[in-house]
Amino acid sequence: MKRFRRAAMMATLVLPFAAPASAQLQTGNLYGIVNNGQGEPIAGAYCVIYTSDMDQGTSTNAQGQFALHNLSPGSYQLDCEADGHSTVTYPSVVINVGRNTTMAVTLSSAIEETI
């Protein structure tokens, strides 16, 4: 009987902690900053991340920062673009479960030629 009480007490203490373990994060996040060639932030740049079955995009804030949340783990393609700048593509951005991936993106000025 004493063993049964001890087992019941242990179960009462351990079980409340078992549920949160199964509810842990199953996604990751991507944070980045978009700058021009001189290191100045580009506000309003658009960054989009692609896989074969989804895409998710966002614009940078006044400091050139962007955030893409709740991404399933895997390898993605990231494209960033802004008016007056060339588009840059990163073909293999890896997102891991429960991790924040950070990137620094540099966009070059677009060269326009008038003939």
PDB file of N, CA and C in Angstrom:
ATOM      1  N   MET A   1       0.821  -1.182   0.000  1.00  0.00           N
ATOM      2  CA  MET A   1       0.000   0.000   0.000  1.00  0.00           C
ATOM      3  C   MET A   1       0.869   1.252   0.000  1.00  0.00           C
ATOM      4  N   LYS A   2       1.978   1.189   0.744  1.00  0.00           N
ATOM      5  CA  LYS A   2       2.868   2.323   0.816  1.00  0.00           C
ATOM      6  C   LYS A   2       3.484   2.605  -0.558  1.00  0.00           C
ATOM      7  N   ARG A   3       3.812   1.548  -1.305  1.00  0.00           N
ATOM      8  CA  ARG A   3       4.354   1.718  -2.650  1.00  0.00           C
ATOM      9  C   ARG A   3       3.328   2.368  -3.572  1.00  0.00           C
ATOM     10  N   PHE A   4       2.084   1.952  -3.448  1.00  0.00           N
ATOM     11  CA  PHE A   4       1.030   2.513  -4.293  1.00  0.00           C
ATOM     12  C   PHE A   4       0.888   4.007  -4.041  1.00  0.00           C
ATOM     13  N   ARG A   5       0.894   4.433  -2.783  1.00  0.00           N
ATOM     14  CA  ARG A   5       0.786   5.858  -2.455  1.00  0.00           C
ATOM     15  C   ARG A   5       1.963   6.638  -3.020  1.00  0.00           C
ATOM     16  N   ARG A   6       3.143   6.058  -2.870  1.00  0.00           N
ATOM     17  CA  ARG A   6       4.340   6.729  -3.382  1.00  0.00           C
ATOM     18  C   ARG A   6       4.250   6.867  -4.908  1.00  0.00           C
ATOM     19  N   ALA A   7       3.806   5.821  -5.605  1.00  0.00           N
ATOM     20  CA  ALA A   7       3.672   5.877  -7.061  1.00  0.00           C
ATOM     21  C   ALA A   7       2.610   6.887  -7.472  1.00  0.00           C
ATOM     22  N   ALA A   8       1.502   6.919  -6.733  1.00  0.00           N
ATOM     23  CA  ALA A   8       0.442   7.881  -7.030  1.00  0.00           C
ATOM     24  C   ALA A   8       0.928   9.306  -6.798  1.00  0.00           C
ATOM     25  N   MET A   9       1.693   9.526  -5.750  1.00  0.00           N
ATOM     26  CA  MET A   9       2.224  10.852  -5.466  1.00  0.00           C
ATOM     27  C   MET A   9       3.199  11.289  -6.560  1.00  0.00           C
ATOM     28  N   MET A  10       4.058  10.369  -6.998  1.00  0.00           N
ATOM     29  CA  MET A  10       5.012  10.690  -8.057  1.00  0.00           C
ATOM     30  C   MET A  10       4.286  11.022  -9.361  1.00  0.00           C
ATOM     31  N   ALA A  11       3.244  10.257  -9.677  1.00  0.00           N
ATOM     32  CA  ALA A  11       2.476  10.517 -10.890  1.00  0.00           C
ATOM     33  C   ALA A  11       1.812  11.888 -10.825  1.00  0.00           C
ATOM     34  N   THR A  12       1.310  12.259  -9.656  1.00  0.00           N
ATOM     35  CA  THR A  12       0.683  13.565  -9.470  1.00  0.00           C
ATOM     36  C   THR A  12       1.693  14.687  -9.669  1.00  0.00           C
ATOM     37  N   LEU A  13       2.918  14.471  -9.258  1.00  0.00           N
ATOM     38  CA  LEU A  13       3.949  15.493  -9.404  1.00  0.00           C
ATOM     39  C   LEU A  13       4.510  15.558 -10.820  1.00  0.00           C
ATOM     40  N   VAL A  14       4.586  14.432 -11.516  1.00  0.00           N
ATOM     41  CA  VAL A  14       5.233  14.373 -12.823  1.00  0.00           C
ATOM     42  C   VAL A  14       4.271  14.672 -13.970  1.00  0.00           C
ATOM     43  N   LEU A  15       3.049  14.207 -13.910  1.00  0.00           N
ATOM     44  CA  LEU A  15       2.118  14.340 -15.033  1.00  0.00           C
ATOM     45  C   LEU A  15       1.866  15.786 -15.480  1.00  0.00           C
ATOM     46  N   PRO A  16       1.751  16.762 -14.607  1.00  0.00           N
ATOM     47  CA  PRO A  16       1.522  18.133 -15.101  1.00  0.00           C
ATOM     48  C   PRO A  16       2.649  18.638 -16.002  1.00  0.00           C
ATOM     49  N   PHE A  17       3.846  18.095 -15.853  1.00  0.00           N
ATOM     50  CA  PHE A  17       4.969  18.538 -16.668  1.00  0.00           C
ATOM     51  C   PHE A  17       5.064  17.765 -17.982  1.00  0.00           C
ATOM     52  N   ALA A  18       4.355  16.680 -18.128  1.00  0.00           N
ATOM     53  CA  ALA A  18       4.419  15.872 -19.345  1.00  0.00           C
ATOM     54  C   ALA A  18       3.691  16.551 -20.494  1.00  0.00           C
ATOM     55  N   ALA A  19       2.576  17.206 -20.257  1.00  0.00           N
ATOM     56  CA  ALA A  19       1.801  17.857 -21.317  1.00  0.00           C
ATOM     57  C   ALA A  19       2.577  18.986 -21.988  1.00  0.00           C
ATOM     58  N   PRO A  20       3.198  19.907 -21.238  1.00  0.00           N
ATOM     59  CA  PRO A  20       3.943  20.961 -21.917  1.00  0.00           C
ATOM     60  C   PRO A  20       5.085  20.437 -22.777  1.00  0.00           C
ATOM     61  N   ALA A  21       5.663  19.319 -22.435  1.00  0.00           N
ATOM     62  CA  ALA A  21       6.758  18.777 -23.242  1.00  0.00           C
ATOM     63  C   ALA A  21       6.268  18.406 -24.631  1.00  0.00           C
ATOM     64  N   SER A  22       5.064  17.903 -24.756  1.00  0.00           N
ATOM     65  CA  SER A  22       4.542  17.534 -26.065  1.00  0.00           C
ATOM     66  C   SER A  22       4.080  18.752 -26.851  1.00  0.00           C
ATOM     67  N   ALA A  23       3.904  19.886 -26.191  1.00  0.00           N
ATOM     68  CA  ALA A  23       3.423  21.090 -26.849  1.00  0.00           C
ATOM     69  C   ALA A  23       4.563  22.037 -27.219  1.00  0.00           C
ATOM     70  N   GLN A  24       5.785  21.535 -27.233  1.00  0.00           N
ATOM     71  CA  GLN A  24       6.918  22.370 -27.571  1.00  0.00           C
ATOM     72  C   GLN A  24       6.840  22.807 -29.027  1.00  0.00           C
ATOM     73  N   LEU A  25       7.596  23.842 -29.350  1.00  0.00           N
ATOM     74  CA  LEU A  25       7.596  24.404 -30.689  1.00  0.00           C
ATOM     75  C   LEU A  25       7.975  23.377 -31.743  1.00  0.00           C
ATOM     76  N   GLN A  26       7.325  23.461 -32.881  1.00  0.00           N
ATOM     77  CA  GLN A  26       7.641  22.611 -34.015  1.00  0.00           C
ATOM     78  C   GLN A  26       8.051  23.456 -35.219  1.00  0.00           C
ATOM     79  N   THR A  27       8.332  24.742 -34.987  1.00  0.00           N
ATOM     80  CA  THR A  27       8.679  25.666 -36.061  1.00  0.00           C
ATOM     81  C   THR A  27       9.919  26.468 -35.689  1.00  0.00           C
ATOM     82  N   GLY A  28      10.392  27.250 -36.628  1.00  0.00           N
ATOM     83  CA  GLY A  28      11.501  28.161 -36.401  1.00  0.00           C
ATOM     84  C   GLY A  28      11.173  29.518 -36.999  1.00  0.00           C
ATOM     85  N   ASN A  29      12.050  30.482 -36.810  1.00  0.00           N
ATOM     86  CA  ASN A  29      11.838  31.841 -37.293  1.00  0.00           C
ATOM     87  C   ASN A  29      13.041  32.309 -38.093  1.00  0.00           C
ATOM     88  N   LEU A  30      12.794  33.257 -38.983  1.00  0.00           N
ATOM     89  CA  LEU A  30      13.860  33.878 -39.754  1.00  0.00           C
ATOM     90  C   LEU A  30      13.812  35.381 -39.506  1.00  0.00           C
ATOM     91  N   TYR A  31      14.920  35.940 -39.045  1.00  0.00           N
ATOM     92  CA  TYR A  31      15.055  37.375 -38.814  1.00  0.00           C
ATOM     93  C   TYR A  31      16.184  37.883 -39.690  1.00  0.00           C
ATOM     94  N   GLY A  32      16.022  39.091 -40.208  1.00  0.00           N
ATOM     95  CA  GLY A  32      17.076  39.627 -41.047  1.00  0.00           C
ATOM     96  C   GLY A  32      17.046  41.133 -41.118  1.00  0.00           C
ATOM     97  N   ILE A  33      18.081  41.665 -41.725  1.00  0.00           N
ATOM     98  CA  ILE A  33      18.186  43.095 -41.977  1.00  0.00           C
ATOM     99  C   ILE A  33      18.652  43.259 -43.417  1.00  0.00           C
ATOM    100  N   VAL A  34      18.039  44.193 -44.118  1.00  0.00           N
ATOM    101  CA  VAL A  34      18.377  44.458 -45.506  1.00  0.00           C
ATOM    102  C   VAL A  34      19.056  45.820 -45.581  1.00  0.00           C
ATOM    103  N   ASN A  35      20.266  45.822 -46.129  1.00  0.00           N
ATOM    104  CA  ASN A  35      21.058  47.044 -46.280  1.00  0.00           C
ATOM    105  C   ASN A  35      21.424  47.252 -47.741  1.00  0.00           C
ATOM    106  N   ASN A  36      21.837  48.493 -48.057  1.00  0.00           N
ATOM    107  CA  ASN A  36      22.395  48.752 -49.380  1.00  0.00           C
ATOM    108  C   ASN A  36      23.904  48.511 -49.325  1.00  0.00           C
ATOM    109  N   GLY A  37      24.588  48.756 -50.398  1.00  0.00           N
ATOM    110  CA  GLY A  37      26.025  48.510 -50.469  1.00  0.00           C
ATOM    111  C   GLY A  37      26.854  49.336 -49.505  1.00  0.00           C
ATOM    112  N   GLN A  38      26.299  50.453 -49.011  1.00  0.00           N
ATOM    113  CA  GLN A  38      27.003  51.302 -48.047  1.00  0.00           C
ATOM    114  C   GLN A  38      26.653  50.945 -46.604  1.00  0.00           C
ATOM    115  N   GLY A  39      25.867  49.893 -46.409  1.00  0.00           N
ATOM    116  CA  GLY A  39      25.501  49.462 -45.066  1.00  0.00           C
ATOM    117  C   GLY A  39      24.314  50.195 -44.473  1.00  0.00           C
ATOM    118  N   GLU A  40      23.629  51.006 -45.280  1.00  0.00           N
ATOM    119  CA  GLU A  40      22.447  51.732 -44.795  1.00  0.00           C
ATOM    120  C   GLU A  40      21.218  50.843 -44.931  1.00  0.00           C
ATOM    121  N   PRO A  41      20.321  50.863 -43.942  1.00  0.00           N
ATOM    122  CA  PRO A  41      19.125  50.018 -44.014  1.00  0.00           C
ATOM    123  C   PRO A  41      18.198  50.451 -45.143  1.00  0.00           C
ATOM    124  N   ILE A  42      17.526  49.475 -45.733  1.00  0.00           N
ATOM    125  CA  ILE A  42      16.551  49.743 -46.786  1.00  0.00           C
ATOM    126  C   ILE A  42      15.159  49.477 -46.224  1.00  0.00           C
ATOM    127  N   ALA A  43      14.410  50.540 -45.998  1.00  0.00           N
ATOM    128  CA  ALA A  43      13.027  50.412 -45.525  1.00  0.00           C
ATOM    129  C   ALA A  43      12.131  50.058 -46.706  1.00  0.00           C
ATOM    130  N   GLY A  44      11.154  49.201 -46.475  1.00  0.00           N
ATOM    131  CA  GLY A  44      10.182  48.842 -47.502  1.00  0.00           C
ATOM    132  C   GLY A  44      10.651  47.794 -48.491  1.00  0.00           C
ATOM    133  N   ALA A  45      11.807  47.187 -48.256  1.00  0.00           N
ATOM    134  CA  ALA A  45      12.229  46.064 -49.108  1.00  0.00           C
ATOM    135  C   ALA A  45      11.278  44.897 -48.851  1.00  0.00           C
ATOM    136  N   TYR A  46      11.061  44.085 -49.865  1.00  0.00           N
ATOM    137  CA  TYR A  46      10.163  42.942 -49.720  1.00  0.00           C
ATOM    138  C   TYR A  46      10.982  41.664 -49.749  1.00  0.00           C
ATOM    139  N   CYS A  47      10.807  40.830 -48.740  1.00  0.00           N
ATOM    140  CA  CYS A  47      11.503  39.540 -48.638  1.00  0.00           C
ATOM    141  C   CYS A  47      10.455  38.439 -48.587  1.00  0.00           C
ATOM    142  N   VAL A  48      10.656  37.416 -49.398  1.00  0.00           N
ATOM    143  CA  VAL A  48       9.721  36.294 -49.442  1.00  0.00           C
ATOM    144  C   VAL A  48      10.512  34.988 -49.411  1.00  0.00           C
ATOM    145  N   ILE A  49       9.972  34.027 -48.665  1.00  0.00           N
ATOM    146  CA  ILE A  49      10.604  32.720 -48.524  1.00  0.00           C
ATOM    147  C   ILE A  49       9.691  31.694 -49.204  1.00  0.00           C
ATOM    148  N   TYR A  50      10.318  30.786 -49.974  1.00  0.00           N
ATOM    149  CA  TYR A  50       9.566  29.829 -50.784  1.00  0.00           C
ATOM    150  C   TYR A  50       9.942  28.389 -50.441  1.00  0.00           C
ATOM    151  N   THR A  51       8.935  27.522 -50.554  1.00  0.00           N
ATOM    152  CA  THR A  51       9.154  26.080 -50.656  1.00  0.00           C
ATOM    153  C   THR A  51       8.287  25.607 -51.811  1.00  0.00           C
ATOM    154  N   SER A  52       8.258  24.334 -52.042  1.00  0.00           N
ATOM    155  CA  SER A  52       7.444  23.809 -53.139  1.00  0.00           C
ATOM    156  C   SER A  52       5.948  23.970 -52.891  1.00  0.00           C
ATOM    157  N   ASP A  53       5.546  24.099 -51.620  1.00  0.00           N
ATOM    158  CA  ASP A  53       4.107  24.155 -51.332  1.00  0.00           C
ATOM    159  C   ASP A  53       3.632  25.426 -50.627  1.00  0.00           C
ATOM    160  N   MET A  54       4.509  26.396 -50.403  1.00  0.00           N
ATOM    161  CA  MET A  54       4.059  27.621 -49.738  1.00  0.00           C
ATOM    162  C   MET A  54       5.036  28.746 -49.977  1.00  0.00           C
ATOM    163  N   ASP A  55       4.555  29.972 -49.738  1.00  0.00           N
ATOM    164  CA  ASP A  55       5.437  31.122 -49.698  1.00  0.00           C
ATOM    165  C   ASP A  55       4.920  32.070 -48.626  1.00  0.00           C
ATOM    166  N   GLN A  56       5.839  32.809 -48.029  1.00  0.00           N
ATOM    167  CA  GLN A  56       5.488  33.745 -46.965  1.00  0.00           C
ATOM    168  C   GLN A  56       6.409  34.950 -47.124  1.00  0.00           C
ATOM    169  N   GLY A  57       5.818  36.128 -47.183  1.00  0.00           N
ATOM    170  CA  GLY A  57       6.627  37.319 -47.391  1.00  0.00           C
ATOM    171  C   GLY A  57       6.295  38.430 -46.416  1.00  0.00           C
ATOM    172  N   THR A  58       7.209  39.409 -46.355  1.00  0.00           N
ATOM    173  CA  THR A  58       7.024  40.557 -45.480  1.00  0.00           C
ATOM    174  C   THR A  58       7.887  41.712 -45.989  1.00  0.00           C
ATOM    175  N   SER A  59       7.573  42.901 -45.550  1.00  0.00           N
ATOM    176  CA  SER A  59       8.369  44.084 -45.888  1.00  0.00           C
ATOM    177  C   SER A  59       9.231  44.481 -44.703  1.00  0.00           C
ATOM    178  N   THR A  60      10.353  45.131 -44.994  1.00  0.00           N
ATOM    179  CA  THR A  60      11.232  45.591 -43.927  1.00  0.00           C
ATOM    180  C   THR A  60      10.669  46.858 -43.286  1.00  0.00           C
ATOM    181  N   ASN A  61      11.014  47.057 -42.029  1.00  0.00           N
ATOM    182  CA  ASN A  61      10.590  48.262 -41.313  1.00  0.00           C
ATOM    183  C   ASN A  61      11.571  49.399 -41.607  1.00  0.00           C
ATOM    184  N   ALA A  62      11.443  50.517 -40.911  1.00  0.00           N
ATOM    185  CA  ALA A  62      12.287  51.694 -41.143  1.00  0.00           C
ATOM    186  C   ALA A  62      13.768  51.408 -40.886  1.00  0.00           C
ATOM    187  N   GLN A  63      14.062  50.411 -40.071  1.00  0.00           N
ATOM    188  CA  GLN A  63      15.455  50.044 -39.778  1.00  0.00           C
ATOM    189  C   GLN A  63      15.969  48.943 -40.713  1.00  0.00           C
ATOM    190  N   GLY A  64      15.161  48.572 -41.716  1.00  0.00           N
ATOM    191  CA  GLY A  64      15.560  47.533 -42.659  1.00  0.00           C
ATOM    192  C   GLY A  64      15.396  46.120 -42.140  1.00  0.00           C
ATOM    193  N   GLN A  65      14.703  45.951 -41.027  1.00  0.00           N
ATOM    194  CA  GLN A  65      14.551  44.630 -40.397  1.00  0.00           C
ATOM    195  C   GLN A  65      13.288  43.926 -40.886  1.00  0.00           C
ATOM    196  N   PHE A  66      13.381  42.597 -40.987  1.00  0.00           N
ATOM    197  CA  PHE A  66      12.210  41.791 -41.313  1.00  0.00           C
ATOM    198  C   PHE A  66      12.180  40.554 -40.420  1.00  0.00           C
ATOM    199  N   ALA A  67      10.996  39.958 -40.316  1.00  0.00           N
ATOM    200  CA  ALA A  67      10.823  38.745 -39.519  1.00  0.00           C
ATOM    201  C   ALA A  67       9.780  37.855 -40.188  1.00  0.00           C
ATOM    202  N   LEU A  68      10.101  36.590 -40.311  1.00  0.00           N
ATOM    203  CA  LEU A  68       9.174  35.578 -40.808  1.00  0.00           C
ATOM    204  C   LEU A  68       9.069  34.508 -39.722  1.00  0.00           C
ATOM    205  N   HIS A  69       7.859  34.329 -39.200  1.00  0.00           N
ATOM    206  CA  HIS A  69       7.642  33.464 -38.036  1.00  0.00           C
ATOM    207  C   HIS A  69       6.944  32.158 -38.412  1.00  0.00           C
ATOM    208  N   ASN A  70       7.071  31.188 -37.517  1.00  0.00           N
ATOM    209  CA  ASN A  70       6.358  29.908 -37.585  1.00  0.00           C
ATOM    210  C   ASN A  70       6.612  29.159 -38.890  1.00  0.00           C
ATOM    211  N   LEU A  71       7.881  29.066 -39.269  1.00  0.00           N
ATOM    212  CA  LEU A  71       8.262  28.334 -40.465  1.00  0.00           C
ATOM    213  C   LEU A  71       8.560  26.885 -40.105  1.00  0.00           C
ATOM    214  N   SER A  72       8.046  25.973 -40.902  1.00  0.00           N
ATOM    215  CA  SER A  72       8.346  24.558 -40.693  1.00  0.00           C
ATOM    216  C   SER A  72       9.827  24.333 -40.953  1.00  0.00           C
ATOM    217  N   PRO A  73      10.431  23.379 -40.260  1.00  0.00           N
ATOM    218  CA  PRO A  73      11.856  23.117 -40.488  1.00  0.00           C
ATOM    219  C   PRO A  73      12.096  22.653 -41.925  1.00  0.00           C
ATOM    220  N   GLY A  74      13.229  23.080 -42.460  1.00  0.00           N
ATOM    221  CA  GLY A  74      13.574  22.680 -43.819  1.00  0.00           C
ATOM    222  C   GLY A  74      14.445  23.718 -44.492  1.00  0.00           C
ATOM    223  N   SER A  75      14.657  23.526 -45.783  1.00  0.00           N
ATOM    224  CA  SER A  75      15.472  24.427 -46.581  1.00  0.00           C
ATOM    225  C   SER A  75      14.550  25.248 -47.486  1.00  0.00           C
ATOM    226  N   TYR A  76      14.754  26.546 -47.501  1.00  0.00           N
ATOM    227  CA  TYR A  76      13.909  27.473 -48.246  1.00  0.00           C
ATOM    228  C   TYR A  76      14.749  28.319 -49.191  1.00  0.00           C
ATOM    229  N   GLN A  77      14.082  28.893 -50.190  1.00  0.00           N
ATOM    230  CA  GLN A  77      14.692  29.935 -51.016  1.00  0.00           C
ATOM    231  C   GLN A  77      14.181  31.270 -50.510  1.00  0.00           C
ATOM    232  N   LEU A  78      15.080  32.235 -50.322  1.00  0.00           N
ATOM    233  CA  LEU A  78      14.715  33.582 -49.887  1.00  0.00           C
ATOM    234  C   LEU A  78      15.061  34.564 -50.988  1.00  0.00           C
ATOM    235  N   ASP A  79      14.083  35.376 -51.398  1.00  0.00           N
ATOM    236  CA  ASP A  79      14.300  36.460 -52.351  1.00  0.00           C
ATOM    237  C   ASP A  79      14.005  37.774 -51.650  1.00  0.00           C
ATOM    238  N   CYS A  80      14.875  38.767 -51.832  1.00  0.00           N
ATOM    239  CA  CYS A  80      14.650  40.111 -51.305  1.00  0.00           C
ATOM    240  C   CYS A  80      14.812  41.108 -52.441  1.00  0.00           C
ATOM    241  N   GLU A  81      13.919  42.098 -52.484  1.00  0.00           N
ATOM    242  CA  GLU A  81      13.961  43.103 -53.538  1.00  0.00           C
ATOM    243  C   GLU A  81      13.486  44.442 -52.994  1.00  0.00           C
ATOM    244  N   ALA A  82      13.916  45.502 -53.669  1.00  0.00           N
ATOM    245  CA  ALA A  82      13.490  46.855 -53.316  1.00  0.00           C
ATOM    246  C   ALA A  82      13.610  47.719 -54.562  1.00  0.00           C
ATOM    247  N   ASP A  83      12.765  48.742 -54.655  1.00  0.00           N
ATOM    248  CA  ASP A  83      12.829  49.667 -55.776  1.00  0.00           C
ATOM    249  C   ASP A  83      14.224  50.265 -55.876  1.00  0.00           C
ATOM    250  N   GLY A  84      14.748  50.296 -57.102  1.00  0.00           N
ATOM    251  CA  GLY A  84      16.059  50.883 -57.328  1.00  0.00           C
ATOM    252  C   GLY A  84      17.216  49.969 -56.981  1.00  0.00           C
ATOM    253  N   HIS A  85      16.917  48.713 -56.619  1.00  0.00           N
ATOM    254  CA  HIS A  85      17.961  47.757 -56.238  1.00  0.00           C
ATOM    255  C   HIS A  85      17.743  46.442 -56.970  1.00  0.00           C
ATOM    256  N   SER A  86      18.820  45.710 -57.156  1.00  0.00           N
ATOM    257  CA  SER A  86      18.737  44.391 -57.773  1.00  0.00           C
ATOM    258  C   SER A  86      18.188  43.386 -56.774  1.00  0.00           C
ATOM    259  N   THR A  87      17.419  42.418 -57.261  1.00  0.00           N
ATOM    260  CA  THR A  87      16.903  41.343 -56.409  1.00  0.00           C
ATOM    261  C   THR A  87      18.037  40.396 -56.049  1.00  0.00           C
ATOM    262  N   VAL A  88      18.050  39.943 -54.806  1.00  0.00           N
ATOM    263  CA  VAL A  88      19.037  38.962 -54.375  1.00  0.00           C
ATOM    264  C   VAL A  88      18.300  37.688 -53.962  1.00  0.00           C
ATOM    265  N   THR A  89      18.881  36.542 -54.312  1.00  0.00           N
ATOM    266  CA  THR A  89      18.290  35.242 -54.000  1.00  0.00           C
ATOM    267  C   THR A  89      19.278  34.417 -53.187  1.00  0.00           C
ATOM    268  N   TYR A  90      18.784  33.845 -52.104  1.00  0.00           N
ATOM    269  CA  TYR A  90      19.531  32.883 -51.297  1.00  0.00           C
ATOM    270  C   TYR A  90      18.825  31.544 -51.499  1.00  0.00           C
ATOM    271  N   PRO A  91      19.435  30.606 -52.235  1.00  0.00           N
ATOM    272  CA  PRO A  91      18.730  29.379 -52.611  1.00  0.00           C
ATOM    273  C   PRO A  91      18.547  28.348 -51.499  1.00  0.00           C
ATOM    274  N   SER A  92      19.278  28.478 -50.394  1.00  0.00           N
ATOM    275  CA  SER A  92      19.201  27.424 -49.373  1.00  0.00           C
ATOM    276  C   SER A  92      19.313  28.016 -47.965  1.00  0.00           C
ATOM    277  N   VAL A  93      18.214  28.560 -47.474  1.00  0.00           N
ATOM    278  CA  VAL A  93      18.156  29.076 -46.104  1.00  0.00           C
ATOM    279  C   VAL A  93      17.564  27.970 -45.236  1.00  0.00           C
ATOM    280  N   VAL A  94      18.306  27.529 -44.244  1.00  0.00           N
ATOM    281  CA  VAL A  94      17.877  26.396 -43.416  1.00  0.00           C
ATOM    282  C   VAL A  94      17.198  26.909 -42.147  1.00  0.00           C
ATOM    283  N   ILE A  95      15.994  26.394 -41.896  1.00  0.00           N
ATOM    284  CA  ILE A  95      15.218  26.705 -40.694  1.00  0.00           C
ATOM    285  C   ILE A  95      15.176  25.455 -39.835  1.00  0.00           C
ATOM    286  N   ASN A  96      15.513  25.612 -38.556  1.00  0.00           N
ATOM    287  CA  ASN A  96      15.510  24.502 -37.606  1.00  0.00           C
ATOM    288  C   ASN A  96      14.428  24.709 -36.558  1.00  0.00           C
ATOM    289  N   VAL A  97      13.940  23.610 -36.009  1.00  0.00           N
ATOM    290  CA  VAL A  97      12.896  23.645 -34.984  1.00  0.00           C
ATOM    291  C   VAL A  97      13.379  24.407 -33.755  1.00  0.00           C
ATOM    292  N   GLY A  98      12.561  25.346 -33.288  1.00  0.00           N
ATOM    293  CA  GLY A  98      12.848  26.067 -32.062  1.00  0.00           C
ATOM    294  C   GLY A  98      14.020  27.023 -32.153  1.00  0.00           C
ATOM    295  N   ARG A  99      14.482  27.335 -33.353  1.00  0.00           N
ATOM    296  CA  ARG A  99      15.657  28.196 -33.527  1.00  0.00           C
ATOM    297  C   ARG A  99      15.285  29.466 -34.286  1.00  0.00           C
ATOM    298  N   ASN A 100      16.025  30.521 -34.027  1.00  0.00           N
ATOM    299  CA  ASN A 100      15.919  31.763 -34.773  1.00  0.00           C
ATOM    300  C   ASN A 100      17.119  31.847 -35.708  1.00  0.00           C
ATOM    301  N   THR A 101      16.852  31.857 -36.991  1.00  0.00           N
ATOM    302  CA  THR A 101      17.902  32.017 -37.993  1.00  0.00           C
ATOM    303  C   THR A 101      17.990  33.503 -38.317  1.00  0.00           C
ATOM    304  N   THR A 102      19.199  34.040 -38.401  1.00  0.00           N
ATOM    305  CA  THR A 102      19.375  35.455 -38.732  1.00  0.00           C
ATOM    306  C   THR A 102      20.193  35.595 -40.005  1.00  0.00           C
ATOM    307  N   MET A 103      19.873  36.646 -40.772  1.00  0.00           N
ATOM    308  CA  MET A 103      20.562  36.893 -42.031  1.00  0.00           C
ATOM    309  C   MET A 103      20.802  38.383 -42.205  1.00  0.00           C
ATOM    310  N   ALA A 104      21.895  38.697 -42.857  1.00  0.00           N
ATOM    311  CA  ALA A 104      22.171  40.061 -43.303  1.00  0.00           C
ATOM    312  C   ALA A 104      22.122  40.028 -44.825  1.00  0.00           C
ATOM    313  N   VAL A 105      21.237  40.832 -45.398  1.00  0.00           N
ATOM    314  CA  VAL A 105      21.025  40.855 -46.842  1.00  0.00           C
ATOM    315  C   VAL A 105      21.521  42.192 -47.374  1.00  0.00           C
ATOM    316  N   THR A 106      22.319  42.148 -48.420  1.00  0.00           N
ATOM    317  CA  THR A 106      22.793  43.378 -49.056  1.00  0.00           C
ATOM    318  C   THR A 106      22.260  43.442 -50.476  1.00  0.00           C
ATOM    319  N   LEU A 107      21.551  44.525 -50.770  1.00  0.00           N
ATOM    320  CA  LEU A 107      21.029  44.742 -52.117  1.00  0.00           C
ATOM    321  C   LEU A 107      21.892  45.775 -52.824  1.00  0.00           C
ATOM    322  N   SER A 108      22.274  45.471 -54.052  1.00  0.00           N
ATOM    323  CA  SER A 108      23.063  46.401 -54.861  1.00  0.00           C
ATOM    324  C   SER A 108      22.129  47.344 -55.605  1.00  0.00           C
ATOM    325  N   SER A 109      22.608  48.538 -55.876  1.00  0.00           N
ATOM    326  CA  SER A 109      21.824  49.477 -56.676  1.00  0.00           C
ATOM    327  C   SER A 109      21.644  48.904 -58.073  1.00  0.00           C
ATOM    328  N   ALA A 110      20.427  49.047 -58.596  1.00  0.00           N
ATOM    329  CA  ALA A 110      20.148  48.568 -59.944  1.00  0.00           C
ATOM    330  C   ALA A 110      20.809  49.495 -60.952  1.00  0.00           C
ATOM    331  N   ILE A 111      21.392  48.913 -61.937  1.00  0.00           N
ATOM    332  CA  ILE A 111      22.035  49.707 -62.984  1.00  0.00           C
ATOM    333  C   ILE A 111      21.040  49.869 -64.122  1.00  0.00           C
ATOM    334  N   GLU A 112      20.700  51.096 -64.394  1.00  0.00           N
ATOM    335  CA  GLU A 112      19.791  51.379 -65.498  1.00  0.00           C
ATOM    336  C   GLU A 112      20.576  52.025 -66.613  1.00  0.00           C
ATOM    337  N   GLU A 113      20.369  51.513 -67.779  1.00  0.00           N
ATOM    338  CA  GLU A 113      21.090  52.037 -68.931  1.00  0.00           C
ATOM    339  C   GLU A 113      20.089  52.650 -69.896  1.00  0.00           C
ATOM    340  N   THR A 114      20.345  53.885 -70.309  1.00  0.00           N
ATOM    341  CA  THR A 114      19.498  54.558 -71.289  1.00  0.00           C
ATOM    342  C   THR A 114      20.244  54.627 -72.606  1.00  0.00           C
ATOM    343  N   ILE A 115      19.561  54.169 -73.646  1.00  0.00           N
ATOM    344  CA  ILE A 115      20.219  54.170 -74.968  1.00  0.00           C
ATOM    345  C   ILE A 115      19.585  55.233 -75.840  1.00  0.00           C
TER     346      ILE A 115
END
